[in-house]
C-alpha atoms as a PDB file:
ATOM      1  CA  MET A   1      -0.003   0.002   0.011  1.00  0.00           C
ATOM      2  CA  ILE A   2       2.815   2.443   0.832  1.00  0.00           C
ATOM      3  CA  ALA A   3       4.523   1.701  -2.464  1.00  0.00           C
ATOM      4  CA  ASP A   4       1.251   2.287  -4.328  1.00  0.00           C
ATOM      5  CA  ASN A   5       0.783   5.652  -2.610  1.00  0.00           C
ATOM      6  CA  ASP A   6       4.388   6.634  -3.390  1.00  0.00           C
ATOM      7  CA  LYS A   7       3.767   5.829  -7.063  1.00  0.00           C
ATOM      8  CA  LYS A   8       0.634   8.002  -7.061  1.00  0.00           C
ATOM      9  CA  ILE A   9       2.529  10.911  -5.491  1.00  0.00           C
ATOM     10  CA  ARG A  10       5.358  10.589  -8.023  1.00  0.00           C
ATOM     11  CA  GLU A  11       2.761  10.609 -10.774  1.00  0.00           C
ATOM     12  CA  ILE A  12       1.906  14.211  -9.877  1.00  0.00           C
ATOM     13  CA  SER A  13       5.281  15.237  -8.446  1.00  0.00           C
ATOM     14  CA  ASN A  14       5.069  18.643 -10.127  1.00  0.00           C
ATOM     15  CA  LYS A  15       1.565  19.280  -8.748  1.00  0.00           C
ATOM     16  CA  ARG A  16       1.556  19.505  -4.975  1.00  0.00           C
ATOM     17  CA  TYR A  17      -1.535  21.723  -4.691  1.00  0.00           C
ATOM     18  CA  ILE A  18      -4.424  21.212  -7.134  1.00  0.00           C
ATOM     19  CA  VAL A  19      -7.644  23.223  -7.046  1.00  0.00           C
ATOM     20  CA  VAL A  20     -10.867  22.270  -8.824  1.00  0.00           C
ATOM     21  CA  GLU A  21     -13.220  25.202  -9.321  1.00  0.00           C
ATOM     22  CA  GLY A  22     -16.482  26.056 -11.080  1.00  0.00           C
ATOM     23  CA  PRO A  23     -20.063  27.093 -10.429  1.00  0.00           C
ATOM     24  CA  ILE A  24     -22.442  25.213  -8.168  1.00  0.00           C
ATOM     25  CA  GLY A  25     -23.630  21.949  -9.673  1.00  0.00           C
ATOM     26  CA  VAL A  26     -20.777  21.549 -12.174  1.00  0.00           C
ATOM     27  CA  GLY A  27     -19.145  18.699 -10.246  1.00  0.00           C
ATOM     28  CA  LYS A  28     -16.070  20.294  -8.711  1.00  0.00           C
ATOM     29  CA  THR A  29     -16.352  18.647  -5.293  1.00  0.00           C
ATOM     30  CA  SER A  30     -16.934  15.201  -6.815  1.00  0.00           C
ATOM     31  CA  LEU A  31     -13.914  15.621  -9.066  1.00  0.00           C
ATOM     32  CA  ALA A  32     -11.744  16.848  -6.168  1.00  0.00           C
ATOM     33  CA  LYS A  33     -12.700  13.784  -4.169  1.00  0.00           C
ATOM     34  CA  GLN A  34     -11.920  11.473  -7.086  1.00  0.00           C
ATOM     35  CA  LEU A  35      -8.526  13.052  -7.667  1.00  0.00           C
ATOM     36  CA  ALA A  36      -7.619  12.877  -4.001  1.00  0.00           C
ATOM     37  CA  SER A  37      -8.574   9.202  -3.987  1.00  0.00           C
ATOM     38  CA  SER A  38      -6.617   8.475  -7.126  1.00  0.00           C
ATOM     39  CA  PHE A  39      -3.489  10.261  -5.885  1.00  0.00           C
ATOM     40  CA  GLY A  40      -3.735   9.230  -2.247  1.00  0.00           C
ATOM     41  CA  SER A  41      -3.643  12.896  -1.321  1.00  0.00           C
ATOM     42  CA  GLU A  42      -5.150  15.142   1.308  1.00  0.00           C
ATOM     43  CA  LEU A  43      -8.550  16.682   0.551  1.00  0.00           C
ATOM     44  CA  MET A  44      -9.618  20.216   1.437  1.00  0.00           C
ATOM     45  CA  LEU A  45     -13.269  20.997   0.812  1.00  0.00           C
ATOM     46  CA  GLU A  46     -15.650  23.860   1.358  1.00  0.00           C
ATOM     47  CA  ASP A  47     -18.118  23.024   4.107  1.00  0.00           C
ATOM     48  CA  ALA A  48     -21.244  24.704   2.863  1.00  0.00           C
ATOM     49  CA  VAL A  49     -23.469  22.612   5.137  1.00  0.00           C
ATOM     50  CA  SER A  50     -21.994  24.225   8.251  1.00  0.00           C
ATOM     51  CA  ASN A  51     -22.885  27.746   7.052  1.00  0.00           C
ATOM     52  CA  PRO A  52     -25.958  28.629   9.170  1.00  0.00           C
ATOM     53  CA  PHE A  53     -26.878  31.499   6.849  1.00  0.00           C
ATOM     54  CA  LEU A  54     -26.886  29.623   3.537  1.00  0.00           C
ATOM     55  CA  GLU A  55     -30.461  28.394   3.605  1.00  0.00           C
ATOM     56  CA  ARG A  56     -31.600  31.883   4.572  1.00  0.00           C
ATOM     57  CA  TYR A  57     -29.602  33.253   1.646  1.00  0.00           C
ATOM     58  CA  TYR A  58     -31.383  30.955  -0.813  1.00  0.00           C
ATOM     59  CA  ASN A  59     -34.742  32.043   0.710  1.00  0.00           C
ATOM     60  CA  ASN A  60     -33.929  35.762   0.844  1.00  0.00           C
ATOM     61  CA  SER A  61     -30.633  36.686  -0.781  1.00  0.00           C
ATOM     62  CA  VAL A  62     -30.886  40.404  -0.027  1.00  0.00           C
ATOM     63  CA  GLN A  63     -31.139  40.022   3.740  1.00  0.00           C
ATOM     64  CA  ALA A  64     -28.762  37.095   4.223  1.00  0.00           C
ATOM     65  CA  ALA A  65     -26.039  37.798   1.631  1.00  0.00           C
ATOM     66  CA  PHE A  66     -23.607  39.584   3.914  1.00  0.00           C
ATOM     67  CA  PRO A  67     -23.461  37.102   6.815  1.00  0.00           C
ATOM     68  CA  THR A  68     -23.415  34.224   4.338  1.00  0.00           C
ATOM     69  CA  GLN A  69     -20.432  35.758   2.577  1.00  0.00           C
ATOM     70  CA  LEU A  70     -18.545  36.535   5.759  1.00  0.00           C
ATOM     71  CA  PHE A  71     -18.997  33.003   7.101  1.00  0.00           C
ATOM     72  CA  PHE A  72     -17.512  31.548   3.906  1.00  0.00           C
ATOM     73  CA  LEU A  73     -14.663  34.077   3.960  1.00  0.00           C
ATOM     74  CA  PHE A  74     -13.691  33.181   7.540  1.00  0.00           C
ATOM     75  CA  GLN A  75     -14.032  29.490   6.850  1.00  0.00           C
ATOM     76  CA  ARG A  76     -11.864  29.588   3.719  1.00  0.00           C
ATOM     77  CA  ALA A  77      -9.282  31.808   5.361  1.00  0.00           C
ATOM     78  CA  GLN A  78      -9.007  29.439   8.361  1.00  0.00           C
ATOM     79  CA  GLN A  79      -8.640  26.380   6.117  1.00  0.00           C
ATOM     80  CA  LEU A  80      -5.846  28.008   4.141  1.00  0.00           C
ATOM     81  CA  GLN A  81      -4.137  29.232   7.318  1.00  0.00           C
ATOM     82  CA  ASP A  82      -4.231  25.715   8.716  1.00  0.00           C
ATOM     83  CA  MET A  83      -2.788  24.418   5.479  1.00  0.00           C
ATOM     84  CA  ARG A  84       0.085  26.884   5.562  1.00  0.00           C
ATOM     85  CA  GLN A  85       0.921  25.991   9.167  1.00  0.00           C
ATOM     86  CA  SER A  86       1.089  22.304   8.332  1.00  0.00           C
ATOM     87  CA  ASP A  87       3.481  20.592   5.984  1.00  0.00           C
ATOM     88  CA  MET A  88       1.316  21.617   3.063  1.00  0.00           C
ATOM     89  CA  PHE A  89       3.359  19.836   0.409  1.00  0.00           C
ATOM     90  CA  ASN A  90       3.333  16.456   2.034  1.00  0.00           C
ATOM     91  CA  PRO A  91       1.011  14.948   1.083  1.00  0.00           C
ATOM     92  CA  VAL A  92      -0.366  16.498  -2.068  1.00  0.00           C
ATOM     93  CA  ILE A  93      -3.462  18.603  -1.426  1.00  0.00           C
ATOM     94  CA  VAL A  94      -6.556  18.697  -3.640  1.00  0.00           C
ATOM     95  CA  ALA A  95      -9.100  21.433  -2.891  1.00  0.00           C
ATOM     96  CA  ASP A  96     -12.446  22.467  -4.319  1.00  0.00           C
ATOM     97  CA  PHE A  97     -12.101  26.217  -3.839  1.00  0.00           C
ATOM     98  CA  LEU A  98      -9.869  29.204  -4.501  1.00  0.00           C
ATOM     99  CA  LEU A  99      -9.820  31.986  -1.958  1.00  0.00           C
ATOM    100  CA  GLU A 100      -9.974  34.505  -4.807  1.00  0.00           C
ATOM    101  CA  LYS A 101     -13.412  33.254  -5.772  1.00  0.00           C
ATOM    102  CA  ASP A 102     -14.718  34.643  -2.494  1.00  0.00           C
ATOM    103  CA  ARG A 103     -14.517  38.122  -3.998  1.00  0.00           C
ATOM    104  CA  LEU A 104     -16.340  36.836  -7.072  1.00  0.00           C
ATOM    105  CA  PHE A 105     -19.397  35.955  -4.940  1.00  0.00           C
ATOM    106  CA  ALA A 106     -19.076  39.121  -2.887  1.00  0.00           C
ATOM    107  CA  GLU A 107     -19.362  41.253  -6.017  1.00  0.00           C
ATOM    108  CA  LEU A 108     -22.287  39.158  -7.142  1.00  0.00           C
ATOM    109  CA  THR A 109     -24.337  39.254  -3.967  1.00  0.00           C
ATOM    110  CA  LEU A 110     -23.485  42.353  -1.921  1.00  0.00           C
ATOM    111  CA  ASP A 111     -24.580  45.968  -2.365  1.00  0.00           C
ATOM    112  CA  ASN A 112     -21.953  48.684  -2.601  1.00  0.00           C
ATOM    113  CA  ASP A 113     -21.787  49.475   1.114  1.00  0.00           C
ATOM    114  CA  GLU A 114     -21.601  45.816   2.070  1.00  0.00           C
ATOM    115  CA  LEU A 115     -18.927  45.187  -0.531  1.00  0.00           C
ATOM    116  CA  GLU A 116     -16.812  48.030   0.807  1.00  0.00           C
ATOM    117  CA  LEU A 117     -17.110  46.640   4.361  1.00  0.00           C
ATOM    118  CA  TYR A 118     -16.381  43.129   3.095  1.00  0.00           C
ATOM    119  CA  GLN A 119     -13.219  44.333   1.406  1.00  0.00           C
ATOM    120  CA  GLN A 120     -12.039  46.022   4.624  1.00  0.00           C
ATOM    121  CA  ILE A 121     -12.534  42.794   6.521  1.00  0.00           C
ATOM    122  CA  PHE A 122     -10.809  40.799   3.778  1.00  0.00           C
ATOM    123  CA  ASP A 123      -7.801  43.120   3.864  1.00  0.00           C
ATOM    124  CA  LYS A 124      -7.588  42.913   7.654  1.00  0.00           C
ATOM    125  CA  LEU A 125      -7.496  39.122   7.536  1.00  0.00           C
ATOM    126  CA  ASP A 126      -4.335  39.388   5.424  1.00  0.00           C
ATOM    127  CA  VAL A 127      -4.579  35.804   4.203  1.00  0.00           C
ATOM    128  CA  HIS A 128      -1.660  34.753   2.002  1.00  0.00           C
ATOM    129  CA  ALA A 129      -3.128  31.939  -0.030  1.00  0.00           C
ATOM    130  CA  PRO A 130      -0.511  29.841  -1.845  1.00  0.00           C
ATOM    131  CA  ALA A 131      -0.779  29.739  -5.630  1.00  0.00           C
ATOM    132  CA  PRO A 132      -1.960  26.297  -6.819  1.00  0.00           C
ATOM    133  CA  ASP A 133       0.247  24.268  -9.093  1.00  0.00           C
ATOM    134  CA  LEU A 134      -2.822  23.695 -11.222  1.00  0.00           C
ATOM    135  CA  VAL A 135      -6.382  25.022 -11.313  1.00  0.00           C
ATOM    136  CA  VAL A 136      -9.007  22.909 -13.069  1.00  0.00           C
ATOM    137  CA  TYR A 137     -11.977  25.102 -14.007  1.00  0.00           C
ATOM    138  CA  LEU A 138     -15.108  23.124 -14.890  1.00  0.00           C
ATOM    139  CA  GLN A 139     -17.673  25.044 -16.887  1.00  0.00           C
ATOM    140  CA  ALA A 140     -21.188  24.205 -18.073  1.00  0.00           C
ATOM    141  CA  PRO A 141     -24.283  26.214 -19.071  1.00  0.00           C
ATOM    142  CA  ALA A 142     -26.870  27.137 -16.457  1.00  0.00           C
ATOM    143  CA  SER A 143     -29.379  24.585 -17.853  1.00  0.00           C
ATOM    144  CA  VAL A 144     -26.920  21.780 -17.159  1.00  0.00           C
ATOM    145  CA  LEU A 145     -26.087  23.120 -13.695  1.00  0.00           C
ATOM    146  CA  ARG A 146     -29.769  23.308 -12.845  1.00  0.00           C
ATOM    147  CA  GLN A 147     -30.410  19.747 -13.955  1.00  0.00           C
ATOM    148  CA  ARG A 148     -27.461  18.403 -11.940  1.00  0.00           C
ATOM    149  CA  ILE A 149     -28.581  20.317  -8.852  1.00  0.00           C
ATOM    150  CA  HIS A 150     -32.031  18.851  -9.295  1.00  0.00           C
ATOM    151  CA  ASN A 151     -30.623  15.353  -9.701  1.00  0.00           C
ATOM    152  CA  ARG A 152     -28.747  15.472  -6.412  1.00  0.00           C
ATOM    153  CA  GLY A 153     -31.922  16.509  -4.623  1.00  0.00           C
ATOM    154  CA  LEU A 154     -30.568  18.647  -1.773  1.00  0.00           C
ATOM    155  CA  ALA A 155     -33.427  20.517  -0.123  1.00  0.00           C
ATOM    156  CA  ILE A 156     -31.244  23.516   0.674  1.00  0.00           C
ATOM    157  CA  GLU A 157     -30.613  24.018  -3.077  1.00  0.00           C
ATOM    158  CA  SER A 158     -34.220  23.656  -4.226  1.00  0.00           C
ATOM    159  CA  ARG A 159     -34.778  27.442  -4.386  1.00  0.00           C
ATOM    160  CA  ILE A 160     -31.781  28.214  -6.574  1.00  0.00           C
ATOM    161  CA  SER A 161     -33.109  29.896  -9.700  1.00  0.00           C
ATOM    162  CA  ALA A 162     -31.979  29.578 -13.282  1.00  0.00           C
ATOM    163  CA  GLU A 163     -31.252  33.315 -13.303  1.00  0.00           C
ATOM    164  CA  TYR A 164     -28.910  32.993 -10.327  1.00  0.00           C
ATOM    165  CA  LEU A 165     -27.073  30.069 -11.930  1.00  0.00           C
ATOM    166  CA  THR A 166     -26.630  32.095 -15.116  1.00  0.00           C
ATOM    167  CA  GLU A 167     -25.193  34.989 -13.102  1.00  0.00           C
ATOM    168  CA  VAL A 168     -22.798  32.667 -11.241  1.00  0.00           C
ATOM    169  CA  ALA A 169     -21.678  30.893 -14.445  1.00  0.00           C
ATOM    170  CA  ASN A 170     -21.031  34.235 -16.150  1.00  0.00           C
ATOM    171  CA  ALA A 171     -19.137  35.547 -13.119  1.00  0.00           C
ATOM    172  CA  TYR A 172     -16.865  32.483 -13.195  1.00  0.00           C
ATOM    173  CA  ALA A 173     -16.254  32.966 -16.915  1.00  0.00           C
ATOM    174  CA  ARG A 174     -15.227  36.577 -16.375  1.00  0.00           C
ATOM    175  CA  PHE A 175     -12.989  35.622 -13.470  1.00  0.00           C
ATOM    176  CA  PHE A 176     -11.094  32.925 -15.313  1.00  0.00           C
ATOM    177  CA  HIS A 177     -10.861  34.982 -18.495  1.00  0.00           C
ATOM    178  CA  ASP A 178      -8.236  37.105 -16.717  1.00  0.00           C
ATOM    179  CA  TYR A 179      -6.833  34.492 -14.314  1.00  0.00           C
ATOM    180  CA  GLN A 180      -3.044  34.114 -14.567  1.00  0.00           C
ATOM    181  CA  ALA A 181      -1.919  33.178 -11.044  1.00  0.00           C
ATOM    182  CA  SER A 182      -1.496  29.447 -11.800  1.00  0.00           C
ATOM    183  CA  PRO A 183      -1.512  26.988 -14.677  1.00  0.00           C
ATOM    184  CA  LEU A 184      -5.124  26.644 -15.762  1.00  0.00           C
ATOM    185  CA  LEU A 185      -7.084  23.836 -17.425  1.00  0.00           C
ATOM    186  CA  ILE A 186     -10.532  24.971 -18.604  1.00  0.00           C
ATOM    187  CA  VAL A 187     -12.784  21.973 -19.080  1.00  0.00           C
ATOM    188  CA  ASN A 188     -16.083  21.927 -20.944  1.00  0.00           C
ATOM    189  CA  ALA A 189     -18.008  19.697 -18.545  1.00  0.00           C
ATOM    190  CA  GLU A 190     -21.360  19.965 -20.285  1.00  0.00           C
ATOM    191  CA  GLU A 191     -21.333  16.537 -21.879  1.00  0.00           C
ATOM    192  CA  ILE A 192     -19.194  14.513 -19.486  1.00  0.00           C
ATOM    193  CA  ASP A 193     -20.008  12.992 -16.104  1.00  0.00           C
ATOM    194  CA  PRO A 194     -16.762  11.994 -14.399  1.00  0.00           C
ATOM    195  CA  ALA A 195     -18.551  11.563 -11.080  1.00  0.00           C
ATOM    196  CA  HIS A 196     -20.593   8.643 -12.461  1.00  0.00           C
ATOM    197  CA  ASN A 197     -18.666   7.533 -15.538  1.00  0.00           C
ATOM    198  CA  SER A 198     -15.227   6.070 -14.841  1.00  0.00           C
ATOM    199  CA  LEU A 199     -14.123   6.402 -18.466  1.00  0.00           C
ATOM    200  CA  ASP A 200     -14.934  10.131 -18.512  1.00  0.00           C
ATOM    201  CA  TYR A 201     -12.985  10.458 -15.264  1.00  0.00           C
ATOM    202  CA  GLU A 202      -9.917   8.620 -16.543  1.00  0.00           C
ATOM    203  CA  ILE A 203      -9.762  10.793 -19.700  1.00  0.00           C
ATOM    204  CA  LEU A 204     -10.040  13.961 -17.621  1.00  0.00           C
ATOM    205  CA  LYS A 205      -7.466  12.757 -15.084  1.00  0.00           C
ATOM    206  CA  THR A 206      -5.010  11.972 -17.864  1.00  0.00           C
ATOM    207  CA  ARG A 207      -5.386  15.485 -19.268  1.00  0.00           C
ATOM    208  CA  ILE A 208      -4.914  16.981 -15.800  1.00  0.00           C
ATOM    209  CA  LEU A 209      -1.631  15.099 -15.403  1.00  0.00           C
ATOM    210  CA  GLU A 210      -0.407  16.461 -18.749  1.00  0.00           C
ATOM    211  CA  VAL A 211      -0.751  20.165 -17.902  1.00  0.00           C
ATOM    212  CA  ASP A 212       2.403  21.737 -16.493  1.00  0.00           C
ATOM    213  CA  SER A 213       2.089  25.421 -17.323  1.00  0.00           C
ATOM    214  CA  GLY A 214       0.061  27.992 -19.169  1.00  0.00           C
ATOM    215  CA  ARG A 215      -3.623  28.044 -20.103  1.00  0.00           C
ATOM    216  CA  HIS A 216      -5.276  25.033 -21.731  1.00  0.00           C
ATOM    217  CA  TYR A 217      -8.749  24.179 -22.989  1.00  0.00           C
ATOM    218  CA  PHE A 218     -10.212  20.703 -22.919  1.00  0.00           C
ATOM    219  CA  ASN A 219     -13.426  19.735 -24.709  1.00  0.00           C
ATOM    220  CA  PRO A 220     -13.713  15.993 -23.958  1.00  0.00           C
ATOM    221  CA  ILE A 221     -16.048  13.716 -25.886  1.00  0.00           C
ATOM    222  CA  PRO A 222     -18.351  11.760 -23.540  1.00  0.00           C
ATOM    223  CA  ILE A 223     -17.582   8.061 -23.369  1.00  0.00           C
ATOM    224  CA  SER A 224     -20.274   5.420 -22.900  1.00  0.00           C
ATOM    225  CA  ALA A 225     -19.658   3.433 -19.719  1.00  0.00           C
END
């Protein structure tokens, strides 16, 4: 078992910190879990369930946006701080969030006064998030995101509207259009289902292993299981 894990780590020796990102419903957490399992690596996930304001946000976004956003900011900052204080490069870490995307949602959900206060708090936290060795950005249209959210059947997500998903998907597209902090693999995830199709997953994992630098686009053809 130790030899197998060593082999997995050597397989991604140039990628010690991998982040999977994308809008809600696209499959980023599932992919992060699969990669961590394949590589025998540590997994760092957002814990949306523990956010006591999230359900209120989906019911009334105007009233609950600010506390929802602050809770996620503090949670993400603490996770990254814990990572920096540990031996973060042993083992490999796979995460399903970038700290920078916190600002993406802040701009999407907060009014001007709230955004200004949010930015002051963010600056005071002074979190120095390490740059990932690779970011995998999964993208899909809002119609696909909505169907996948429906399929997983979480009650807390039942009020998410198609309009909100479109706004989130567009915000992600704008964010990654200018993103240059790390090597980036942009994956069209509309037609593939790596969470439930092992062949789709293996093709995507192989492409992830191939990316060492720069910006890359991947439009995989779905494979019948």
